[in-house]
PDB file of N, CA and C in Angstrom:
ATOM      1  N   MET A   1      -7.595 -21.391 -42.533  1.00  0.00           N
ATOM      2  CA  MET A   1      -6.465 -20.524 -42.302  1.00  0.00           C
ATOM      3  C   MET A   1      -5.396 -20.880 -43.341  1.00  0.00           C
ATOM      4  N   ASN A   2      -4.979 -19.879 -44.050  1.00  0.00           N
ATOM      5  CA  ASN A   2      -3.945 -20.125 -45.061  1.00  0.00           C
ATOM      6  C   ASN A   2      -2.567 -19.834 -44.469  1.00  0.00           C
ATOM      7  N   PHE A   3      -1.547 -20.063 -45.270  1.00  0.00           N
ATOM      8  CA  PHE A   3      -0.168 -19.915 -44.819  1.00  0.00           C
ATOM      9  C   PHE A   3       0.153 -18.484 -44.392  1.00  0.00           C
ATOM     10  N   HIS A   4      -0.342 -17.489 -45.106  1.00  0.00           N
ATOM     11  CA  HIS A   4      -0.065 -16.089 -44.771  1.00  0.00           C
ATOM     12  C   HIS A   4      -0.699 -15.717 -43.429  1.00  0.00           C
ATOM     13  N   ASP A   5      -1.923 -16.172 -43.175  1.00  0.00           N
ATOM     14  CA  ASP A   5      -2.576 -15.908 -41.885  1.00  0.00           C
ATOM     15  C   ASP A   5      -1.814 -16.564 -40.742  1.00  0.00           C
ATOM     16  N   PHE A   6      -1.336 -17.785 -40.982  1.00  0.00           N
ATOM     17  CA  PHE A   6      -0.565 -18.505 -39.974  1.00  0.00           C
ATOM     18  C   PHE A   6       0.734 -17.759 -39.659  1.00  0.00           C
ATOM     19  N   CYS A   7       1.409 -17.265 -40.687  1.00  0.00           N
ATOM     20  CA  CYS A   7       2.651 -16.501 -40.477  1.00  0.00           C
ATOM     21  C   CYS A   7       2.383 -15.197 -39.723  1.00  0.00           C
ATOM     22  N   ARG A   8       1.306 -14.523 -40.061  1.00  0.00           N
ATOM     23  CA  ARG A   8       0.945 -13.288 -39.346  1.00  0.00           C
ATOM     24  C   ARG A   8       0.669 -13.581 -37.871  1.00  0.00           C
ATOM     25  N   MET A   9      -0.051 -14.679 -37.625  1.00  0.00           N
ATOM     26  CA  MET A   9      -0.361 -15.048 -36.242  1.00  0.00           C
ATOM     27  C   MET A   9       0.925 -15.352 -35.469  1.00  0.00           C
ATOM     28  N   LEU A  10       1.843 -16.084 -36.096  1.00  0.00           N
ATOM     29  CA  LEU A  10       3.126 -16.373 -35.446  1.00  0.00           C
ATOM     30  C   LEU A  10       3.914 -15.094 -35.189  1.00  0.00           C
ATOM     31  N   LEU A  11       3.882 -14.179 -36.154  1.00  0.00           N
ATOM     32  CA  LEU A  11       4.591 -12.914 -35.992  1.00  0.00           C
ATOM     33  C   LEU A  11       4.016 -12.111 -34.825  1.00  0.00           C
ATOM     34  N   VAL A  12       2.703 -12.021 -34.749  1.00  0.00           N
ATOM     35  CA  VAL A  12       2.050 -11.285 -33.652  1.00  0.00           C
ATOM     36  C   VAL A  12       2.365 -11.944 -32.310  1.00  0.00           C
ATOM     37  N   LEU A  13       2.279 -13.276 -32.263  1.00  0.00           N
ATOM     38  CA  LEU A  13       2.601 -13.986 -31.016  1.00  0.00           C
ATOM     39  C   LEU A  13       4.071 -13.800 -30.642  1.00  0.00           C
ATOM     40  N   GLY A  14       4.947 -13.824 -31.632  1.00  0.00           N
ATOM     41  CA  GLY A  14       6.375 -13.619 -31.368  1.00  0.00           C
ATOM     42  C   GLY A  14       6.652 -12.226 -30.839  1.00  0.00           C
ATOM     43  N   ILE A  15       6.025 -11.230 -31.435  1.00  0.00           N
ATOM     44  CA  ILE A  15       6.199  -9.854 -30.961  1.00  0.00           C
ATOM     45  C   ILE A  15       5.637  -9.713 -29.545  1.00  0.00           C
ATOM     46  N   GLY A  16       4.485 -10.304 -29.296  1.00  0.00           N
ATOM     47  CA  GLY A  16       3.896 -10.252 -27.947  1.00  0.00           C
ATOM     48  C   GLY A  16       4.780 -10.923 -26.913  1.00  0.00           C
ATOM     49  N   PHE A  17       5.338 -12.088 -27.279  1.00  0.00           N
ATOM     50  CA  PHE A  17       6.230 -12.786 -26.355  1.00  0.00           C
ATOM     51  C   PHE A  17       7.501 -11.982 -26.095  1.00  0.00           C
ATOM     52  N   ALA A  18       8.071 -11.424 -27.158  1.00  0.00           N
ATOM     53  CA  ALA A  18       9.289 -10.613 -27.005  1.00  0.00           C
ATOM     54  C   ALA A  18       9.009  -9.386 -26.133  1.00  0.00           C
ATOM     55  N   GLY A  19       7.842  -8.782 -26.321  1.00  0.00           N
ATOM     56  CA  GLY A  19       7.485  -7.626 -25.490  1.00  0.00           C
ATOM     57  C   GLY A  19       7.329  -8.011 -24.027  1.00  0.00           C
ATOM     58  N   ALA A  20       6.705  -9.161 -23.784  1.00  0.00           N
ATOM     59  CA  ALA A  20       6.518  -9.610 -22.401  1.00  0.00           C
ATOM     60  C   ALA A  20       7.855  -9.915 -21.745  1.00  0.00           C
ATOM     61  N   VAL A  21       8.742 -10.565 -22.472  1.00  0.00           N
ATOM     62  CA  VAL A  21      10.065 -10.899 -21.929  1.00  0.00           C
ATOM     63  C   VAL A  21      10.872  -9.632 -21.690  1.00  0.00           C
ATOM     64  N   THR A  22      10.740  -8.666 -22.580  1.00  0.00           N
ATOM     65  CA  THR A  22      11.488  -7.415 -22.450  1.00  0.00           C
ATOM     66  C   THR A  22      10.969  -6.558 -21.300  1.00  0.00           C
ATOM     67  N   LEU A  23       9.661  -6.530 -21.086  1.00  0.00           N
ATOM     68  CA  LEU A  23       9.073  -5.655 -20.079  1.00  0.00           C
ATOM     69  C   LEU A  23       8.984  -6.270 -18.687  1.00  0.00           C
ATOM     70  N   ALA A  24       9.136  -7.574 -18.552  1.00  0.00           N
ATOM     71  CA  ALA A  24       8.990  -8.225 -17.248  1.00  0.00           C
ATOM     72  C   ALA A  24      10.026  -7.746 -16.223  1.00  0.00           C
ATOM     73  N   PRO A  25      11.321  -7.739 -16.543  1.00  0.00           N
ATOM     74  CA  PRO A  25      12.293  -7.273 -15.538  1.00  0.00           C
ATOM     75  C   PRO A  25      12.078  -5.820 -15.106  1.00  0.00           C
ATOM     76  N   PRO A  26      11.847  -4.866 -16.035  1.00  0.00           N
ATOM     77  CA  PRO A  26      11.594  -3.493 -15.578  1.00  0.00           C
ATOM     78  C   PRO A  26      10.325  -3.402 -14.714  1.00  0.00           C
ATOM     79  N   SER A  27       9.334  -4.208 -15.024  1.00  0.00           N
ATOM     80  CA  SER A  27       8.101  -4.187 -14.237  1.00  0.00           C
ATOM     81  C   SER A  27       8.370  -4.641 -12.807  1.00  0.00           C
ATOM     82  N   ALA A  28       9.187  -5.673 -12.649  1.00  0.00           N
ATOM     83  CA  ALA A  28       9.540  -6.147 -11.304  1.00  0.00           C
ATOM     84  C   ALA A  28      10.329  -5.075 -10.557  1.00  0.00           C
ATOM     85  N   LYS A  29      11.212  -4.394 -11.259  1.00  0.00           N
ATOM     86  CA  LYS A  29      12.010  -3.328 -10.634  1.00  0.00           C
ATOM     87  C   LYS A  29      11.105  -2.178 -10.202  1.00  0.00           C
ATOM     88  N   VAL A  30      10.129  -1.828 -11.027  1.00  0.00           N
ATOM     89  CA  VAL A  30       9.185  -0.765 -10.676  1.00  0.00           C
ATOM     90  C   VAL A  30       8.433  -1.138  -9.407  1.00  0.00           C
ATOM     91  N   HIS A  31       7.989  -2.387  -9.317  1.00  0.00           N
ATOM     92  CA  HIS A  31       7.268  -2.835  -8.114  1.00  0.00           C
ATOM     93  C   HIS A  31       8.171  -2.752  -6.884  1.00  0.00           C
ATOM     94  N   GLN A  32       9.429  -3.182  -7.034  1.00  0.00           N
ATOM     95  CA  GLN A  32      10.383  -3.115  -5.924  1.00  0.00           C
ATOM     96  C   GLN A  32      10.589  -1.661  -5.477  1.00  0.00           C
ATOM     97  N   LEU A  33      10.743  -0.766  -6.427  1.00  0.00           N
ATOM     98  CA  LEU A  33      10.959   0.643  -6.091  1.00  0.00           C
ATOM     99  C   LEU A  33       9.719   1.267  -5.458  1.00  0.00           C
ATOM    100  N   GLN A  34       8.527   0.869  -5.910  1.00  0.00           N
ATOM    101  CA  GLN A  34       7.304   1.381  -5.288  1.00  0.00           C
ATOM    102  C   GLN A  34       7.211   0.932  -3.836  1.00  0.00           C
ATOM    103  N   THR A  35       7.584  -0.302  -3.573  1.00  0.00           N
ATOM    104  CA  THR A  35       7.594  -0.809  -2.198  1.00  0.00           C
ATOM    105  C   THR A  35       8.595  -0.032  -1.355  1.00  0.00           C
ATOM    106  N   GLU A  36       9.764   0.229  -1.913  1.00  0.00           N
ATOM    107  CA  GLU A  36      10.792   0.985  -1.190  1.00  0.00           C
ATOM    108  C   GLU A  36      10.316   2.412  -0.900  1.00  0.00           C
ATOM    109  N   VAL A  37       9.648   3.027  -1.853  1.00  0.00           N
ATOM    110  CA  VAL A  37       9.111   4.380  -1.655  1.00  0.00           C
ATOM    111  C   VAL A  37       8.099   4.374  -0.513  1.00  0.00           C
ATOM    112  N   THR A  38       7.241   3.373  -0.464  1.00  0.00           N
ATOM    113  CA  THR A  38       6.251   3.272   0.610  1.00  0.00           C
ATOM    114  C   THR A  38       6.927   3.168   1.969  1.00  0.00           C
ATOM    115  N   VAL A  39       7.956   2.328   2.059  1.00  0.00           N
ATOM    116  CA  VAL A  39       8.688   2.163   3.319  1.00  0.00           C
ATOM    117  C   VAL A  39       9.363   3.476   3.726  1.00  0.00           C
ATOM    118  N   LEU A  40       9.979   4.150   2.763  1.00  0.00           N
ATOM    119  CA  LEU A  40      10.665   5.409   3.068  1.00  0.00           C
ATOM    120  C   LEU A  40       9.686   6.513   3.466  1.00  0.00           C
ATOM    121  N   GLU A  41       8.504   6.541   2.835  1.00  0.00           N
ATOM    122  CA  GLU A  41       7.501   7.535   3.213  1.00  0.00           C
ATOM    123  C   GLU A  41       7.029   7.318   4.646  1.00  0.00           C
ATOM    124  N   LYS A  42       6.859   6.069   5.049  1.00  0.00           N
ATOM    125  CA  LYS A  42       6.447   5.760   6.416  1.00  0.00           C
ATOM    126  C   LYS A  42       7.541   6.171   7.405  1.00  0.00           C
ATOM    127  N   ALA A  43       8.788   5.897   7.051  1.00  0.00           N
ATOM    128  CA  ALA A  43       9.911   6.296   7.908  1.00  0.00           C
ATOM    129  C   ALA A  43       9.960   7.816   8.038  1.00  0.00           C
ATOM    130  N   ARG A  44       9.710   8.527   6.936  1.00  0.00           N
ATOM    131  CA  ARG A  44       9.706   9.996   6.989  1.00  0.00           C
ATOM    132  C   ARG A  44       8.584  10.508   7.884  1.00  0.00           C
ATOM    133  N   GLU A  45       7.417   9.889   7.799  1.00  0.00           N
ATOM    134  CA  GLU A  45       6.302  10.288   8.665  1.00  0.00           C
ATOM    135  C   GLU A  45       6.665  10.097  10.132  1.00  0.00           C
ATOM    136  N   ASN A  46       7.313   8.971  10.446  1.00  0.00           N
ATOM    137  CA  ASN A  46       7.738   8.725  11.831  1.00  0.00           C
ATOM    138  C   ASN A  46       8.742   9.775  12.285  1.00  0.00           C
ATOM    139  N   GLN A  47       9.676  10.121  11.417  1.00  0.00           N
ATOM    140  CA  GLN A  47      10.665  11.145  11.760  1.00  0.00           C
ATOM    141  C   GLN A  47       9.995  12.515  11.944  1.00  0.00           C
ATOM    142  N   ASP A  48       9.024  12.820  11.099  1.00  0.00           N
ATOM    143  CA  ASP A  48       8.298  14.081  11.244  1.00  0.00           C
ATOM    144  C   ASP A  48       7.591  14.152  12.591  1.00  0.00           C
ATOM    145  N   GLU A  49       7.000  13.031  13.023  1.00  0.00           N
ATOM    146  CA  GLU A  49       6.335  12.985  14.331  1.00  0.00           C
ATOM    147  C   GLU A  49       7.345  13.195  15.456  1.00  0.00           C
ATOM    148  N   ARG A  50       8.516  12.581  15.336  1.00  0.00           N
ATOM    149  CA  ARG A  50       9.570  12.761  16.348  1.00  0.00           C
ATOM    150  C   ARG A  50      10.014  14.219  16.408  1.00  0.00           C
ATOM    151  N   ILE A  51      10.148  14.851  15.245  1.00  0.00           N
ATOM    152  CA  ILE A  51      10.577  16.250  15.193  1.00  0.00           C
ATOM    153  C   ILE A  51       9.561  17.134  15.893  1.00  0.00           C
ATOM    154  N   VAL A  52       8.277  16.899  15.644  1.00  0.00           N
ATOM    155  CA  VAL A  52       7.221  17.694  16.293  1.00  0.00           C
ATOM    156  C   VAL A  52       7.303  17.525  17.810  1.00  0.00           C
ATOM    157  N   ALA A  53       7.441  16.288  18.268  1.00  0.00           N
ATOM    158  CA  ALA A  53       7.517  16.028  19.713  1.00  0.00           C
ATOM    159  C   ALA A  53       8.750  16.692  20.320  1.00  0.00           C
ATOM    160  N   MET A  54       9.879  16.618  19.630  1.00  0.00           N
ATOM    161  CA  MET A  54      11.105  17.220  20.155  1.00  0.00           C
ATOM    162  C   MET A  54      10.998  18.751  20.189  1.00  0.00           C
ATOM    163  N   ARG A  55      10.363  19.331  19.185  1.00  0.00           N
ATOM    164  CA  ARG A  55      10.187  20.789  19.183  1.00  0.00           C
ATOM    165  C   ARG A  55       9.282  21.226  20.334  1.00  0.00           C
ATOM    166  N   GLN A  56       8.234  20.454  20.575  1.00  0.00           N
ATOM    167  CA  GLN A  56       7.340  20.779  21.693  1.00  0.00           C
ATOM    168  C   GLN A  56       8.086  20.682  23.022  1.00  0.00           C
ATOM    169  N   SER A  57       8.896  19.644  23.165  1.00  0.00           N
ATOM    170  CA  SER A  57       9.688  19.480  24.381  1.00  0.00           C
ATOM    171  C   SER A  57      10.687  20.626  24.535  1.00  0.00           C
ATOM    172  N   LEU A  58      11.324  21.009  23.448  1.00  0.00           N
ATOM    173  CA  LEU A  58      12.282  22.115  23.488  1.00  0.00           C
ATOM    174  C   LEU A  58      11.604  23.420  23.877  1.00  0.00           C
ATOM    175  N   GLU A  59      10.435  23.682  23.307  1.00  0.00           N
ATOM    176  CA  GLU A  59       9.700  24.905  23.652  1.00  0.00           C
ATOM    177  C   GLU A  59       9.308  24.906  25.134  1.00  0.00           C
ATOM    178  N   ALA A  60       8.899  23.753  25.644  1.00  0.00           N
ATOM    179  CA  ALA A  60       8.539  23.666  27.063  1.00  0.00           C
ATOM    180  C   ALA A  60       9.763  23.934  27.938  1.00  0.00           C
ATOM    181  N   LEU A  61      10.921  23.425  27.532  1.00  0.00           N
ATOM    182  CA  LEU A  61      12.145  23.667  28.303  1.00  0.00           C
ATOM    183  C   LEU A  61      12.548  25.144  28.231  1.00  0.00           C
ATOM    184  N   LYS A  62      12.392  25.762  27.047  1.00  0.00           N
ATOM    185  CA  LYS A  62      12.715  27.180  26.912  1.00  0.00           C
ATOM    186  C   LYS A  62      11.807  28.051  27.783  1.00  0.00           C
ATOM    187  N   ARG A  63      10.550  27.646  27.911  1.00  0.00           N
ATOM    188  CA  ARG A  63       9.604  28.403  28.750  1.00  0.00           C
ATOM    189  C   ARG A  63       9.891  28.201  30.232  1.00  0.00           C
ATOM    190  N   GLY A  64      10.704  27.204  30.541  1.00  0.00           N
ATOM    191  CA  GLY A  64      10.997  26.927  31.946  1.00  0.00           C
ATOM    192  C   GLY A  64       9.907  26.114  32.622  1.00  0.00           C
ATOM    193  N   ASP A  65       9.136  25.378  31.837  1.00  0.00           N
ATOM    194  CA  ASP A  65       8.078  24.524  32.373  1.00  0.00           C
ATOM    195  C   ASP A  65       8.711  23.512  33.333  1.00  0.00           C
ATOM    196  N   SER A  66       8.342  23.597  34.597  1.00  0.00           N
ATOM    197  CA  SER A  66       8.980  22.757  35.618  1.00  0.00           C
ATOM    198  C   SER A  66       8.750  21.265  35.351  1.00  0.00           C
ATOM    199  N   ASN A  67       7.585  20.909  34.842  1.00  0.00           N
ATOM    200  CA  ASN A  67       7.336  19.495  34.528  1.00  0.00           C
ATOM    201  C   ASN A  67       8.270  19.008  33.421  1.00  0.00           C
ATOM    202  N   ALA A  68       8.485  19.833  32.421  1.00  0.00           N
ATOM    203  CA  ALA A  68       9.368  19.460  31.319  1.00  0.00           C
ATOM    204  C   ALA A  68      10.812  19.344  31.805  1.00  0.00           C
ATOM    205  N   VAL A  69      11.226  20.271  32.642  1.00  0.00           N
ATOM    206  CA  VAL A  69      12.590  20.236  33.174  1.00  0.00           C
ATOM    207  C   VAL A  69      12.780  18.981  34.020  1.00  0.00           C
ATOM    208  N   GLU A  70      11.817  18.683  34.860  1.00  0.00           N
ATOM    209  CA  GLU A  70      11.918  17.490  35.708  1.00  0.00           C
ATOM    210  C   GLU A  70      11.934  16.222  34.861  1.00  0.00           C
ATOM    211  N   ARG A  71      11.058  16.145  33.855  1.00  0.00           N
ATOM    212  CA  ARG A  71      11.011  14.967  32.987  1.00  0.00           C
ATOM    213  C   ARG A  71      12.351  14.774  32.287  1.00  0.00           C
ATOM    214  N   GLU A  72      12.926  15.858  31.786  1.00  0.00           N
ATOM    215  CA  GLU A  72      14.219  15.777  31.088  1.00  0.00           C
ATOM    216  C   GLU A  72      15.315  15.310  32.050  1.00  0.00           C
ATOM    217  N   ALA A  73      15.327  15.864  33.258  1.00  0.00           N
ATOM    218  CA  ALA A  73      16.336  15.480  34.246  1.00  0.00           C
ATOM    219  C   ALA A  73      16.204  14.011  34.619  1.00  0.00           C
ATOM    220  N   ARG A  74      14.983  13.545  34.766  1.00  0.00           N
ATOM    221  CA  ARG A  74      14.766  12.146  35.131  1.00  0.00           C
ATOM    222  C   ARG A  74      15.134  11.206  33.983  1.00  0.00           C
ATOM    223  N   GLU A  75      14.659  11.516  32.772  1.00  0.00           N
ATOM    224  CA  GLU A  75      14.866  10.610  31.637  1.00  0.00           C
ATOM    225  C   GLU A  75      16.306  10.634  31.123  1.00  0.00           C
ATOM    226  N   LYS A  76      16.837  11.812  30.961  1.00  0.00           N
ATOM    227  CA  LYS A  76      18.155  11.918  30.330  1.00  0.00           C
ATOM    228  C   LYS A  76      19.304  11.705  31.313  1.00  0.00           C
ATOM    229  N   TYR A  77      19.151  12.243  32.513  1.00  0.00           N
ATOM    230  CA  TYR A  77      20.265  12.216  33.455  1.00  0.00           C
ATOM    231  C   TYR A  77      20.062  11.268  34.625  1.00  0.00           C
ATOM    232  N   GLY A  78      18.896  10.633  34.705  1.00  0.00           N
ATOM    233  CA  GLY A  78      18.647   9.656  35.755  1.00  0.00           C
ATOM    234  C   GLY A  78      18.471  10.272  37.138  1.00  0.00           C
ATOM    235  N   TYR A  79      18.103  11.541  37.199  1.00  0.00           N
ATOM    236  CA  TYR A  79      17.894  12.188  38.491  1.00  0.00           C
ATOM    237  C   TYR A  79      16.638  11.639  39.149  1.00  0.00           C
ATOM    238  N   CYS A  80      16.645  11.710  40.483  1.00  0.00           N
ATOM    239  CA  CYS A  80      15.457  11.297  41.217  1.00  0.00           C
ATOM    240  C   CYS A  80      15.339  12.162  42.474  1.00  0.00           C
ATOM    241  N   ARG A  81      14.160  12.118  43.039  1.00  0.00           N
ATOM    242  CA  ARG A  81      13.939  12.859  44.288  1.00  0.00           C
ATOM    243  C   ARG A  81      14.486  12.053  45.454  1.00  0.00           C
ATOM    244  N   GLU A  82      14.708  12.726  46.531  1.00  0.00           N
ATOM    245  CA  GLU A  82      15.215  12.064  47.723  1.00  0.00           C
ATOM    246  C   GLU A  82      14.233  10.981  48.158  1.00  0.00           C
ATOM    247  N   GLY A  83      14.771   9.803  48.407  1.00  0.00           N
ATOM    248  CA  GLY A  83      13.940   8.691  48.848  1.00  0.00           C
ATOM    249  C   GLY A  83      13.389   7.842  47.708  1.00  0.00           C
ATOM    250  N   GLU A  84      13.541   8.285  46.482  1.00  0.00           N
ATOM    251  CA  GLU A  84      13.061   7.505  45.342  1.00  0.00           C
ATOM    252  C   GLU A  84      14.147   6.523  44.886  1.00  0.00           C
ATOM    253  N   ARG A  85      13.702   5.425  44.285  1.00  0.00           N
ATOM    254  CA  ARG A  85      14.632   4.474  43.681  1.00  0.00           C
ATOM    255  C   ARG A  85      14.343   4.403  42.192  1.00  0.00           C
ATOM    256  N   ILE A  86      15.404   4.249  41.445  1.00  0.00           N
ATOM    257  CA  ILE A  86      15.261   4.157  39.989  1.00  0.00           C
ATOM    258  C   ILE A  86      15.566   2.729  39.562  1.00  0.00           C
ATOM    259  N   TYR A  87      14.666   2.186  38.780  1.00  0.00           N
ATOM    260  CA  TYR A  87      14.862   0.851  38.214  1.00  0.00           C
ATOM    261  C   TYR A  87      14.934   0.999  36.692  1.00  0.00           C
ATOM    262  N   HIS A  88      15.963   0.418  36.104  1.00  0.00           N
ATOM    263  CA  HIS A  88      16.155   0.487  34.658  1.00  0.00           C
ATOM    264  C   HIS A  88      15.770  -0.864  34.069  1.00  0.00           C
ATOM    265  N   PHE A  89      14.874  -0.823  33.079  1.00  0.00           N
ATOM    266  CA  PHE A  89      14.455  -2.029  32.380  1.00  0.00           C
ATOM    267  C   PHE A  89      14.918  -1.932  30.940  1.00  0.00           C
ATOM    268  N   GLU A  90      15.491  -3.005  30.453  1.00  0.00           N
ATOM    269  CA  GLU A  90      15.939  -3.030  29.052  1.00  0.00           C
ATOM    270  C   GLU A  90      15.487  -4.302  28.404  1.00  0.00           C
TER     271      GLU A  90
END
């Protein structure tokens, strides 16, 4: 290996090192953002499921479904039938 080959090798290694140092922080940020996107997509899916359930409940209430009306009265307003006791667990 002569002096010119050695200098070329050092230059290539220096450029490679500089590229690695330059690209490492953005790469970590990309990974962080990908993780955040995954978390947000899961949260959106959960919200979509809640919306579907709430729409179904609303439609049942609009139809006058007695089971839906009773469930809403019991859950939201704490109503009960005569002789029943309500226990709240938290």
